[in-house]
Amino acid sequence: MPSKYHPINLDPDKCIGCTNCIKRCPTEAIRVSNEKASIMQEKCINCGTCISVCPYNAFHGVTKGYRGVSEYAIKIALVDPIVYSQFATEVAPEAILSAIKSSGCAEVFEVSKGADVVTKFTKKYLNLQKKTPIISSSCPAIIRLIQLRFPELIHHILPIDSPVEIAAFMAREEAMRKYGLKAEEIGVYYSTPCPARTASFMNPLGTDSTNISMSLPIHKVFGLVSKMLKGTPAKAQQRVHPSSSGIDWSRVGGQAAALGIDEYMPVDGIENVISVLEEIEYGKMRHLKFLECQACVNGCVGGSLNVENPYIAQSRIRIISNRYKDKPVETSNIKAEKFLFTRPIHPLHATKLDQDLSKALLKLEQVEETLKELPDIDCGACGAPSCRAFAEDIVQGRATIDDCVVLTRKSHLKK
């Protein structure tokens, strides 16, 4: 991945420096200077909160492909059930899949098939673990959050790839058998609900490579499908993988409920997740076996690259999932062990003042001394989310104490 690539971009023409984003960023990765926001990429977890809260739509998600569309012999659309939730429940998933396929894809493949593989593995894995809770690895923003703020909990992460990556592998393997093609001749395209998922394709977590060829934001897929369905009767041609639990993964609680255990907790919304992870770090919640953490409100249906209101989308997923509850499901014989992490997930030290411990301790003392001079009201007028963050910026040379509006005003009043 090019070092300059970041899945969230800022349009400086739209940004007015309102500081709304700096207050809501869960890792304090945004600063405002000269009336323009900027993202500190090393601190960003790609959750997309800034996209959702910016009243001027200055932030936007960036999707990226590895190769040109024309370079693949065939294209497969990897469809997440989240896509179904963007349409009224009267629009059948079969019609949505058919529309996507007719847009130029040789095949469509559902992420819910990959979800079933992870569910089956998780059930076995939980029975072998003594140190709990096990934390879901499905949300890349949560993994990066743990790397940055809760490195002691890394060993709690479920060590298996996401349903998206597993489904992409299954789709390509199936196409190779069907069309007699090589893996590199098949392009797998995914409709993504959030920038964190895009980032995980560019920088895979726990593995060396991705199975995704290109990603498109769901709002673009929604526009494409809407045009194809408009004015024409929906034809239910493409069969849906009728996994009720696999479809239910799209909303918070779906993954945990599929395990069939009582000792689980689903948590959505990045601030709520942080609160729960802090409790676990303090040694609480030992009764839990499984923790499902979703950065977005209501789960992936609340992703910042979606179209629909997350509460409406969540309700739709529940309705759609229930439709397939009593349908027989074809189980895959693929071994989940094939998708276990092959690389360790390491802590990220972007929040450290310095890699050298002695220098970090010295800087910490400087931060504490600087804090004593600041008003401690966390107003954000300096462009940092809090006085502590501002003090750290001063010590790190990213700001000066003159940037504090409160102190500057008091100084002028004294004169």
Protein backbone atom coordinates (compact mmCIF):
# COMPACT_ATOMS: atom_id res chain seq x y z
CA MET A 1 0.00 0.00 0.00
CA PRO A 2 1.30 3.47 -0.83
CA SER A 3 2.32 5.21 2.35
CA LYS A 4 0.26 8.29 1.49
CA TYR A 5 -2.96 6.32 1.14
CA HIS A 6 -5.59 6.93 3.79
CA PRO A 7 -9.22 5.78 3.56
CA ILE A 8 -10.60 9.09 4.83
CA ASN A 9 -9.98 12.32 2.96
CA LEU A 10 -10.80 15.91 3.84
CA ASP A 11 -12.07 18.48 1.35
CA PRO A 12 -10.45 21.74 2.55
CA ASP A 13 -12.93 23.80 0.52
CA LYS A 14 -15.80 22.42 2.61
CA CYS A 15 -14.07 22.51 5.98
CA ILE A 16 -14.64 25.71 7.98
CA GLY A 17 -12.72 24.63 11.08
CA CYS A 18 -15.81 24.28 13.28
CA THR A 19 -13.99 21.79 15.60
CA ASN A 20 -17.02 19.47 15.71
CA CYS A 21 -14.88 16.56 14.51
CA ILE A 22 -12.08 16.95 17.06
CA LYS A 23 -14.55 16.53 19.92
CA ARG A 24 -15.99 13.30 18.53
CA CYS A 25 -12.88 11.51 17.28
CA PRO A 26 -12.37 8.54 19.66
CA THR A 27 -8.57 8.56 19.38
CA GLU A 28 -8.03 12.34 19.24
CA ALA A 29 -6.61 12.00 15.74
CA ILE A 30 -7.89 15.31 14.35
CA ARG A 31 -6.55 18.81 14.81
CA VAL A 32 -7.76 22.16 13.48
CA SER A 33 -5.26 24.78 12.43
CA ASN A 34 -5.78 27.91 10.33
CA GLU A 35 -9.52 27.09 10.21
CA LYS A 36 -8.90 23.72 8.54
CA ALA A 37 -9.00 20.23 10.01
CA SER A 38 -6.29 17.64 9.44
CA ILE A 39 -6.06 13.94 10.29
CA MET A 40 -3.12 12.49 12.19
CA GLN A 41 -3.02 9.22 10.28
CA GLU A 42 -0.91 7.38 12.84
CA LYS A 43 -3.68 7.86 15.44
CA CYS A 44 -6.68 7.32 13.15
CA ILE A 45 -8.58 4.02 13.43
CA ASN A 46 -10.58 4.72 10.24
CA CYS A 47 -13.91 4.39 12.06
CA GLY A 48 -15.57 7.11 9.98
CA THR A 49 -16.99 9.04 12.94
CA CYS A 50 -15.70 12.27 11.40
CA ILE A 51 -17.61 11.51 8.19
CA SER A 52 -20.83 11.03 10.13
CA VAL A 53 -20.57 14.06 12.43
CA CYS A 54 -19.26 16.72 10.05
CA PRO A 55 -22.15 19.11 9.31
CA TYR A 56 -20.44 20.32 6.12
CA ASN A 57 -19.64 16.89 4.61
CA ALA A 58 -15.97 17.82 4.49
CA PHE A 59 -14.80 14.28 5.22
CA HIS A 60 -15.39 11.44 2.79
CA GLY A 61 -14.37 7.82 2.48
CA VAL A 62 -11.91 6.80 -0.22
CA THR A 63 -12.10 3.37 -1.81
CA LYS A 64 -9.33 1.93 -3.89
CA GLY A 65 -8.63 -0.95 -6.27
CA TYR A 66 -5.39 -2.76 -6.92
CA ARG A 67 -5.83 -3.29 -10.64
CA GLY A 68 -7.93 -1.91 -13.47
CA VAL A 69 -11.38 -3.41 -14.01
CA SER A 70 -10.52 -4.51 -17.56
CA GLU A 71 -7.56 -6.61 -16.40
CA TYR A 72 -9.77 -9.39 -15.04
CA ALA A 73 -11.28 -12.12 -17.16
CA ILE A 74 -14.37 -12.17 -14.93
CA LYS A 75 -15.68 -10.08 -12.06
CA ILE A 76 -17.45 -11.30 -8.94
CA ALA A 77 -19.59 -8.99 -6.83
CA LEU A 78 -19.16 -9.79 -3.14
CA VAL A 79 -22.43 -8.63 -1.60
CA ASP A 80 -22.81 -7.88 2.07
CA PRO A 81 -26.33 -8.28 3.53
CA ILE A 82 -25.96 -4.65 4.60
CA VAL A 83 -26.84 -3.80 1.00
CA TYR A 84 -30.28 -5.38 1.46
CA SER A 85 -30.98 -3.07 4.40
CA GLN A 86 -30.54 0.03 2.25
CA PHE A 87 -33.72 -0.80 0.33
CA ALA A 88 -37.33 -1.08 1.46
CA THR A 89 -38.23 -4.57 2.66
CA GLU A 90 -40.56 -4.90 -0.35
CA VAL A 91 -37.45 -5.13 -2.54
CA ALA A 92 -36.40 -8.75 -2.30
CA PRO A 93 -32.72 -9.60 -1.80
CA GLU A 94 -33.04 -11.85 -4.87
CA ALA A 95 -33.94 -8.81 -6.96
CA ILE A 96 -31.01 -6.82 -5.54
CA LEU A 97 -28.55 -9.62 -6.29
CA SER A 98 -29.96 -9.99 -9.82
CA ALA A 99 -29.55 -6.27 -10.46
CA ILE A 100 -25.95 -6.32 -9.24
CA LYS A 101 -25.14 -9.34 -11.38
CA SER A 102 -26.66 -7.79 -14.49
CA SER A 103 -24.47 -4.71 -14.02
CA GLY A 104 -21.56 -6.62 -15.54
CA CYS A 105 -20.56 -9.26 -13.01
CA ALA A 106 -20.23 -12.92 -13.95
CA GLU A 107 -21.20 -14.01 -10.45
CA VAL A 108 -22.47 -12.66 -7.13
CA PHE A 109 -21.41 -14.14 -3.81
CA GLU A 110 -22.75 -13.34 -0.36
CA VAL A 111 -20.66 -12.41 2.67
CA SER A 112 -23.12 -14.31 4.87
CA LYS A 113 -21.45 -17.54 3.70
CA GLY A 114 -18.19 -16.35 5.24
CA ALA A 115 -20.05 -15.36 8.41
CA ASP A 116 -21.28 -18.94 8.80
CA VAL A 117 -17.69 -20.19 8.61
CA VAL A 118 -16.55 -17.81 11.37
CA THR A 119 -19.53 -18.71 13.56
CA LYS A 120 -18.74 -22.40 13.31
CA PHE A 121 -15.09 -21.80 14.19
CA THR A 122 -15.92 -19.47 17.09
CA LYS A 123 -18.12 -22.07 18.76
CA LYS A 124 -15.22 -24.53 18.81
CA TYR A 125 -12.66 -21.92 19.81
CA LEU A 126 -14.65 -20.72 22.83
CA ASN A 127 -14.75 -24.24 24.25
CA LEU A 128 -10.95 -24.36 24.26
CA GLN A 129 -10.30 -20.99 25.88
CA LYS A 130 -9.73 -20.35 29.57
CA LYS A 131 -8.92 -16.65 29.32
CA THR A 132 -12.05 -14.78 28.30
CA PRO A 133 -13.80 -12.82 26.95
CA ILE A 134 -12.81 -13.45 23.37
CA ILE A 135 -13.25 -10.30 21.30
CA SER A 136 -14.67 -10.48 17.79
CA SER A 137 -12.19 -9.77 14.99
CA SER A 138 -14.85 -8.78 12.46
CA CYS A 139 -14.56 -4.98 12.86
CA PRO A 140 -11.17 -3.63 11.67
CA ALA A 141 -11.72 -0.31 13.43
CA ILE A 142 -12.00 -2.15 16.76
CA ILE A 143 -8.81 -4.12 16.11
CA ARG A 144 -6.93 -0.91 15.40
CA LEU A 145 -8.47 0.71 18.49
CA ILE A 146 -7.18 -2.18 20.60
CA GLN A 147 -3.74 -1.86 19.00
CA LEU A 148 -3.62 1.83 19.87
CA ARG A 149 -5.37 2.12 23.23
CA PHE A 150 -5.72 -1.38 24.68
CA PRO A 151 -2.65 -3.38 23.59
CA GLU A 152 -2.96 -5.61 26.67
CA LEU A 153 -6.16 -7.01 25.15
CA ILE A 154 -4.68 -8.04 21.81
CA HIS A 155 -4.46 -11.67 22.91
CA HIS A 156 -8.25 -11.62 23.48
CA ILE A 157 -8.94 -11.05 19.75
CA LEU A 158 -10.49 -13.99 17.89
CA PRO A 159 -7.61 -15.14 15.63
CA ILE A 160 -9.51 -15.59 12.38
CA ASP A 161 -9.98 -13.43 9.28
CA SER A 162 -13.21 -11.53 8.66
CA PRO A 163 -16.26 -13.01 6.90
CA VAL A 164 -15.57 -10.61 4.02
CA GLU A 165 -12.11 -12.04 3.35
CA ILE A 166 -13.29 -15.62 3.80
CA ALA A 167 -16.24 -15.13 1.45
CA ALA A 168 -13.96 -13.51 -1.14
CA PHE A 169 -11.66 -16.54 -1.03
CA MET A 170 -14.61 -18.92 -1.37
CA ALA A 171 -16.03 -16.92 -4.28
CA ARG A 172 -12.73 -16.96 -6.19
CA GLU A 173 -12.18 -20.68 -5.56
CA GLU A 174 -15.68 -21.47 -6.81
CA ALA A 175 -15.16 -19.37 -9.93
CA MET A 176 -11.80 -21.02 -10.63
CA ARG A 177 -13.49 -24.42 -10.69
CA LYS A 178 -16.45 -23.21 -12.73
CA TYR A 179 -14.58 -21.21 -15.39
CA GLY A 180 -11.19 -22.93 -15.37
CA LEU A 181 -9.37 -19.68 -14.63
CA LYS A 182 -6.38 -18.77 -12.48
CA ALA A 183 -6.86 -16.81 -9.25
CA GLU A 184 -5.25 -13.68 -10.69
CA GLU A 185 -7.72 -13.66 -13.58
CA ILE A 186 -10.68 -13.22 -11.26
CA GLY A 187 -11.58 -9.86 -9.73
CA VAL A 188 -13.61 -9.79 -6.50
CA TYR A 189 -15.42 -6.52 -5.82
CA TYR A 190 -16.82 -5.68 -2.41
CA SER A 191 -19.42 -3.08 -1.43
CA THR A 192 -18.05 -1.58 1.77
CA PRO A 193 -19.99 0.18 4.55
CA CYS A 194 -17.03 1.98 6.10
CA PRO A 195 -13.50 3.30 5.50
CA ALA A 196 -12.05 0.92 8.11
CA ARG A 197 -12.96 -2.04 5.93
CA THR A 198 -11.23 -0.43 2.96
CA ALA A 199 -8.15 0.17 5.09
CA SER A 200 -8.09 -3.51 6.05
CA PHE A 201 -7.82 -4.45 2.36
CA MET A 202 -4.89 -2.11 1.87
CA ASN A 203 -3.23 -3.13 5.16
CA PRO A 204 -4.47 -6.63 6.04
CA LEU A 205 -4.79 -7.42 9.74
CA GLY A 206 -3.33 -10.72 10.91
CA THR A 207 -2.60 -11.92 7.37
CA ASP A 208 -0.18 -11.13 4.56
CA SER A 209 -2.65 -10.34 1.79
CA THR A 210 -6.27 -9.61 0.94
CA ASN A 211 -8.69 -11.51 -1.26
CA ILE A 212 -10.43 -8.30 -2.35
CA SER A 213 -9.55 -6.77 -5.73
CA MET A 214 -11.51 -3.55 -5.36
CA SER A 215 -14.00 -1.92 -3.03
CA LEU A 216 -16.90 0.42 -3.69
CA PRO A 217 -18.84 2.39 -1.06
CA ILE A 218 -22.33 1.04 -0.47
CA HIS A 219 -23.89 4.39 -1.34
CA LYS A 220 -22.57 4.01 -4.90
CA VAL A 221 -23.85 0.46 -5.16
CA PHE A 222 -27.21 1.68 -3.86
CA GLY A 223 -27.37 4.30 -6.60
CA LEU A 224 -26.50 1.77 -9.28
CA VAL A 225 -29.04 -0.82 -8.12
CA SER A 226 -31.75 1.82 -7.62
CA LYS A 227 -31.42 2.91 -11.24
CA MET A 228 -31.61 -0.67 -12.46
CA LEU A 229 -34.70 -1.44 -10.39
CA LYS A 230 -36.53 1.83 -11.06
CA GLY A 231 -39.53 1.51 -13.31
CA THR A 232 -39.12 -2.23 -13.84
CA PRO A 233 -40.65 -5.09 -11.86
CA ALA A 234 -38.17 -6.84 -9.61
CA LYS A 235 -37.33 -10.27 -10.96
CA ALA A 236 -36.26 -12.77 -8.32
CA GLN A 237 -33.69 -14.64 -10.40
CA GLN A 238 -30.60 -14.86 -8.22
CA ARG A 239 -30.93 -17.28 -5.32
CA VAL A 240 -30.07 -15.96 -1.87
CA HIS A 241 -27.92 -17.89 0.60
CA PRO A 242 -30.70 -18.41 3.17
CA SER A 243 -28.60 -18.14 6.31
CA SER A 244 -30.67 -16.23 8.82
CA SER A 245 -27.76 -15.93 11.26
CA GLY A 246 -25.33 -14.97 8.49
CA ILE A 247 -27.60 -12.14 7.37
CA ASP A 248 -28.09 -11.05 10.98
CA TRP A 249 -24.34 -10.37 11.31
CA SER A 250 -25.04 -7.01 9.67
CA ARG A 251 -26.60 -5.62 12.83
CA VAL A 252 -25.14 -5.49 16.32
CA GLY A 253 -25.78 -8.66 18.30
CA GLY A 254 -26.16 -10.87 15.25
CA GLN A 255 -22.70 -12.38 15.48
CA ALA A 256 -22.94 -13.08 19.20
CA ALA A 257 -26.48 -14.47 19.04
CA ALA A 258 -25.42 -16.97 16.36
CA LEU A 259 -23.13 -18.68 18.89
CA GLY A 260 -26.02 -20.04 20.93
CA ILE A 261 -24.51 -19.09 24.31
CA ASP A 262 -25.69 -16.88 27.16
CA GLU A 263 -22.35 -15.42 28.23
CA TYR A 264 -21.95 -12.83 25.50
CA MET A 265 -22.23 -9.07 25.15
CA PRO A 266 -22.79 -7.04 21.96
CA VAL A 267 -21.58 -3.42 22.12
CA ASP A 268 -22.03 -0.81 19.42
CA GLY A 269 -20.82 2.76 19.07
CA ILE A 270 -17.12 3.49 19.46
CA GLU A 271 -17.51 5.42 22.73
CA ASN A 272 -19.47 2.56 24.29
CA VAL A 273 -16.87 0.07 23.07
CA ILE A 274 -14.08 2.09 24.68
CA SER A 275 -15.98 2.13 27.97
CA VAL A 276 -16.44 -1.66 27.94
CA LEU A 277 -12.83 -2.36 26.94
CA GLU A 278 -11.69 -0.23 29.86
CA GLU A 279 -13.78 -2.40 32.19
CA ILE A 280 -12.22 -5.56 30.76
CA GLU A 281 -8.76 -4.03 31.11
CA TYR A 282 -9.54 -3.49 34.80
CA GLY A 283 -10.27 -7.20 35.16
CA LYS A 284 -14.05 -6.97 35.13
CA MET A 285 -16.58 -8.94 33.02
CA ARG A 286 -14.77 -12.22 33.50
CA HIS A 287 -18.11 -13.99 33.28
CA LEU A 288 -18.29 -13.20 29.57
CA LYS A 289 -17.16 -15.70 26.99
CA PHE A 290 -17.58 -13.53 23.92
CA LEU A 291 -17.58 -9.80 23.26
CA GLU A 292 -18.94 -8.49 19.98
CA CYS A 293 -17.66 -4.95 19.43
CA GLN A 294 -18.94 -2.79 16.59
CA ALA A 295 -17.50 0.69 16.03
CA CYS A 296 -20.65 1.92 14.31
CA VAL A 297 -24.00 2.47 16.00
CA ASN A 298 -26.23 -0.57 15.41
CA GLY A 299 -23.32 -2.44 13.84
CA CYS A 300 -22.24 -2.44 10.21
CA VAL A 301 -25.63 -1.12 9.10
CA GLY A 302 -24.51 2.13 10.75
CA GLY A 303 -21.38 2.51 8.59
CA SER A 304 -20.56 5.99 7.37
CA LEU A 305 -20.56 4.91 3.69
CA ASN A 306 -24.13 3.63 3.83
CA VAL A 307 -27.26 5.47 2.74
CA GLU A 308 -30.01 4.47 5.15
CA ASN A 309 -30.61 5.55 8.73
CA PRO A 310 -28.91 2.87 10.90
CA TYR A 311 -32.02 2.26 12.99
CA ILE A 312 -34.17 1.70 9.94
CA ALA A 313 -31.49 -0.49 8.39
CA GLN A 314 -31.20 -2.53 11.58
CA SER A 315 -34.94 -3.13 11.60
CA ARG A 316 -34.85 -4.24 7.98
CA ILE A 317 -32.07 -6.73 8.63
CA ARG A 318 -34.12 -8.23 11.44
CA ILE A 319 -37.11 -8.61 9.13
CA ILE A 320 -35.04 -10.08 6.28
CA SER A 321 -33.21 -12.44 8.62
CA ASN A 322 -36.51 -13.74 9.99
CA ARG A 323 -37.73 -14.49 6.47
CA TYR A 324 -35.02 -17.10 6.07
CA LYS A 325 -35.12 -18.45 9.62
CA ASP A 326 -36.67 -21.82 8.76
CA LYS A 327 -34.99 -22.27 5.38
CA PRO A 328 -32.44 -25.08 4.97
CA VAL A 329 -28.87 -23.82 4.63
CA GLU A 330 -26.14 -25.46 2.57
CA THR A 331 -23.13 -25.77 4.82
CA SER A 332 -19.64 -25.33 3.42
CA ASN A 333 -16.99 -28.02 3.87
CA ILE A 334 -14.21 -25.45 3.85
CA LYS A 335 -11.91 -25.61 6.86
CA ALA A 336 -11.97 -22.49 9.02
CA GLU A 337 -8.38 -23.20 10.08
CA LYS A 338 -7.34 -22.09 6.61
CA PHE A 339 -8.25 -18.53 7.59
CA LEU A 340 -6.53 -18.25 10.95
CA PHE A 341 -4.20 -15.32 11.48
CA THR A 342 -0.73 -15.96 10.10
CA ARG A 343 0.82 -12.77 11.42
CA PRO A 344 0.75 -11.44 14.98
CA ILE A 345 -1.19 -8.27 15.65
CA HIS A 346 1.24 -5.85 17.25
CA PRO A 347 0.56 -2.82 19.45
CA LEU A 348 0.68 0.57 17.76
CA HIS A 349 2.64 3.22 19.61
CA ALA A 350 1.22 6.38 18.05
CA THR A 351 -0.13 7.50 21.43
CA LYS A 352 3.31 7.29 23.07
CA LEU A 353 5.19 10.53 23.58
CA ASP A 354 8.45 8.88 22.53
CA GLN A 355 9.74 5.40 21.71
CA ASP A 356 12.63 5.94 24.12
CA LEU A 357 11.27 5.38 27.64
CA SER A 358 13.53 7.94 29.32
CA LYS A 359 12.58 10.60 26.76
CA ALA A 360 8.91 9.69 27.07
CA LEU A 361 9.04 10.14 30.85
CA LEU A 362 10.73 13.51 30.44
CA LYS A 363 8.08 14.61 27.95
CA LEU A 364 5.35 13.40 30.29
CA GLU A 365 6.72 15.69 32.99
CA GLN A 366 6.70 18.56 30.49
CA VAL A 367 3.09 17.76 29.58
CA GLU A 368 2.05 17.87 33.24
CA GLU A 369 3.85 21.18 33.76
CA THR A 370 2.25 22.64 30.62
CA LEU A 371 -1.18 21.47 31.78
CA LYS A 372 -0.84 23.58 34.92
CA GLU A 373 -0.66 26.69 32.75
CA LEU A 374 -3.72 25.80 30.68
CA PRO A 375 -7.33 26.67 31.67
CA ASP A 376 -8.42 22.96 31.79
CA ILE A 377 -11.81 23.62 30.17
CA ASP A 378 -11.31 21.54 27.00
CA CYS A 379 -12.98 24.18 24.84
CA GLY A 380 -11.28 23.05 21.62
CA ALA A 381 -10.65 26.61 20.42
CA CYS A 382 -6.92 25.82 20.11
CA GLY A 383 -7.72 23.11 17.55
CA ALA A 384 -7.01 20.19 19.90
CA PRO A 385 -9.78 18.09 21.48
CA SER A 386 -8.68 18.68 25.08
CA CYS A 387 -6.21 20.65 27.13
CA ARG A 388 -4.17 17.49 27.69
CA ALA A 389 -4.02 16.78 23.96
CA PHE A 390 -3.02 20.40 23.41
CA ALA A 391 -0.27 20.12 26.05
CA GLU A 392 1.06 17.04 24.28
CA ASP A 393 1.00 18.92 20.97
CA ILE A 394 3.04 21.72 22.55
CA VAL A 395 5.62 19.29 23.94
CA GLN A 396 5.81 17.47 20.60
CA GLY A 397 6.31 20.76 18.75
CA ARG A 398 2.99 20.67 16.91
CA ALA A 399 1.62 23.77 18.64
CA THR A 400 2.64 26.66 20.88
CA ILE A 401 1.01 27.90 24.07
CA ASP A 402 0.06 31.09 22.21
CA ASP A 403 -2.51 28.98 20.33
CA CYS A 404 -4.60 28.86 23.52
CA VAL A 405 -7.32 31.42 22.90
CA VAL A 406 -8.28 31.65 26.58
CA LEU A 407 -4.75 32.47 27.76
CA THR A 408 -4.21 34.90 24.90
CA ARG A 409 -7.45 36.72 25.74
CA LYS A 410 -6.55 36.94 29.43
CA SER A 411 -3.15 38.30 28.49
CA HIS A 412 -4.70 41.00 26.31
CA LEU A 413 -7.18 41.95 29.02
CA LYS A 414 -4.36 42.44 31.50
CA LYS A 415 -2.68 44.82 29.11
